[in-house]
C-alpha cells in the first residue's frame, strides 16, 4: 500500500540540504533498497546541545540545519512498522539514506499508513 515515511535529522550541513530535489529517488545505503520518492522536505533550526559543568545547554551550529524528509513508498504495514522490499522500518530506525545526490544520517520519525 502507499505510505508516507518521514525521516528526521537534528543537524545536517546546509550544502547537503541544498542538494535536495523533490521527486528524487530515496535509497537506503545500508540495506541497498530504494525506499520511494522524495515528496517534500522541511528545514528548521539545528538541534544541538553542549554539556558543561553546569548542565546541558542548547547551541546553534553555524552552517547546519535540521531537516525532515517526506517519502512516498509502497510498503506492507505490520505490527512493528512497514516493510519495503523486505526491509522493516519502524519509528526510531536509524539509517544512512540518499535522496538523489544528498546523503543523510537520520531516523524514521513517523509512518503514515492510510486507512484501508
Protein backbone atom coordinates (compact mmCIF):
# COMPACT_ATOMS: atom_id res chain seq x y z
CA UNK A 1 0.00 0.00 0.00
CA UNK A 2 1.20 3.59 -0.48
CA UNK A 3 2.58 5.08 2.76
CA UNK A 4 4.43 8.23 3.80
CA UNK A 5 7.59 7.71 5.81
CA UNK A 6 9.17 10.74 7.50
CA UNK A 7 12.90 10.81 8.20
CA UNK A 8 14.46 13.41 10.53
CA UNK A 9 17.95 14.67 11.28
CA UNK A 10 18.69 17.20 14.02
CA UNK A 11 21.59 18.70 12.11
CA UNK A 12 22.89 18.40 8.57
CA UNK A 13 25.24 20.71 6.64
CA UNK A 14 23.40 23.35 4.61
CA UNK A 15 25.20 22.28 1.42
CA UNK A 16 23.69 18.78 1.74
CA UNK A 17 20.20 20.23 2.22
CA UNK A 18 20.78 22.48 -0.80
CA UNK A 19 21.24 19.33 -2.92
CA UNK A 20 17.69 18.09 -2.17
CA UNK A 21 15.22 17.92 -5.05
CA UNK A 22 11.60 16.86 -4.73
CA UNK A 23 10.88 13.83 -6.88
CA UNK A 24 14.32 12.32 -6.23
CA UNK A 25 14.70 8.61 -5.59
CA UNK A 26 15.31 7.76 -1.91
CA UNK A 27 17.78 4.94 -1.27
CA UNK A 28 18.73 3.09 1.94
CA UNK A 29 22.52 2.83 1.67
CA UNK A 30 22.94 0.11 4.31
CA UNK A 31 20.21 -2.22 3.03
CA UNK A 32 20.69 -1.40 -0.68
CA UNK A 33 16.95 -0.77 -1.08
CA UNK A 34 15.17 2.01 -2.96
CA UNK A 35 12.53 3.14 -0.45
CA UNK A 36 10.50 5.52 -2.59
CA UNK A 37 10.30 9.10 -3.83
CA UNK A 38 11.03 12.37 -2.01
CA UNK A 39 7.67 14.14 -1.90
CA UNK A 40 8.81 17.11 0.16
CA UNK A 41 11.04 18.31 2.99
CA UNK A 42 11.02 20.79 5.86
CA UNK A 43 14.11 22.67 7.05
CA UNK A 44 14.46 24.18 10.53
CA UNK A 45 16.99 25.38 13.05
CA UNK A 46 19.62 22.82 14.04
CA UNK A 47 19.07 20.99 17.30
CA UNK A 48 22.40 20.69 19.13
CA UNK A 49 23.37 20.59 22.78
CA UNK A 50 26.59 21.17 24.71
CA UNK A 51 27.22 19.56 28.07
CA UNK A 52 29.11 21.76 30.51
CA UNK A 53 29.86 21.59 34.22
CA UNK A 54 26.61 23.50 34.74
CA UNK A 55 24.42 21.16 32.68
CA UNK A 56 23.29 20.80 29.10
CA UNK A 57 22.65 23.93 27.06
CA UNK A 58 21.28 24.34 23.53
CA UNK A 59 23.76 25.66 20.96
CA UNK A 60 23.41 26.69 17.33
CA UNK A 61 25.89 25.21 14.90
CA UNK A 62 26.63 27.65 12.08
CA UNK A 63 26.09 26.26 8.59
CA UNK A 64 23.79 23.46 9.79
CA UNK A 65 20.02 22.94 9.77
CA UNK A 66 17.57 20.28 10.90
CA UNK A 67 15.64 18.54 8.14
CA UNK A 68 12.62 16.27 7.82
CA UNK A 69 12.17 14.32 4.58
CA UNK A 70 8.71 13.12 3.48
CA UNK A 71 8.98 9.99 1.35
CA UNK A 72 6.20 8.23 -0.54
CA UNK A 73 6.76 4.46 -0.56
CA UNK A 74 4.98 1.25 -1.40
CA UNK A 75 5.10 -0.85 1.77
CA UNK A 76 3.47 -3.66 3.69
CA UNK A 77 2.19 -2.44 7.09
CA UNK A 78 2.78 -4.68 10.10
CA UNK A 79 2.70 -4.56 13.89
CA UNK A 80 6.26 -3.19 14.10
CA UNK A 81 6.29 -0.69 11.24
CA UNK A 82 6.28 -1.09 7.47
CA UNK A 83 8.26 -3.39 5.20
CA UNK A 84 9.73 -2.04 1.97
CA UNK A 85 11.36 -4.56 -0.37
CA UNK A 86 11.95 -7.00 2.51
CA UNK A 87 13.33 -4.39 4.95
CA UNK A 88 11.39 -3.47 8.11
CA UNK A 89 11.29 0.24 9.05
CA UNK A 90 9.94 1.45 12.39
CA UNK A 91 9.90 4.82 14.14
CA UNK A 92 13.35 5.43 15.63
CA UNK A 93 15.12 3.29 12.99
CA UNK A 94 18.49 4.92 12.23
CA UNK A 95 19.94 4.75 8.73
CA UNK A 96 22.13 6.27 6.05
CA UNK A 97 19.93 7.48 3.22
CA UNK A 98 20.46 9.08 -0.17
CA UNK A 99 17.82 11.45 -1.54
CA UNK A 100 19.09 11.98 -5.05
CA UNK A 101 22.70 13.14 -4.62
CA UNK A 102 22.25 14.20 -0.97
CA UNK A 103 23.48 11.77 1.72
CA UNK A 104 21.94 11.90 5.20
CA UNK A 105 22.29 10.19 8.58
CA UNK A 106 18.77 10.19 10.03
CA UNK A 107 15.97 8.40 11.87
CA UNK A 108 12.47 7.38 10.89
CA UNK A 109 10.33 9.96 12.72
CA UNK A 110 6.81 8.96 11.54
CA UNK A 111 4.98 6.44 9.38
CA UNK A 112 1.60 7.38 7.92
CA UNK A 113 -0.43 4.43 6.65
CA UNK A 114 -3.77 5.50 5.13
CA UNK A 115 -6.87 3.72 6.41
CA UNK A 116 -7.83 0.83 4.18
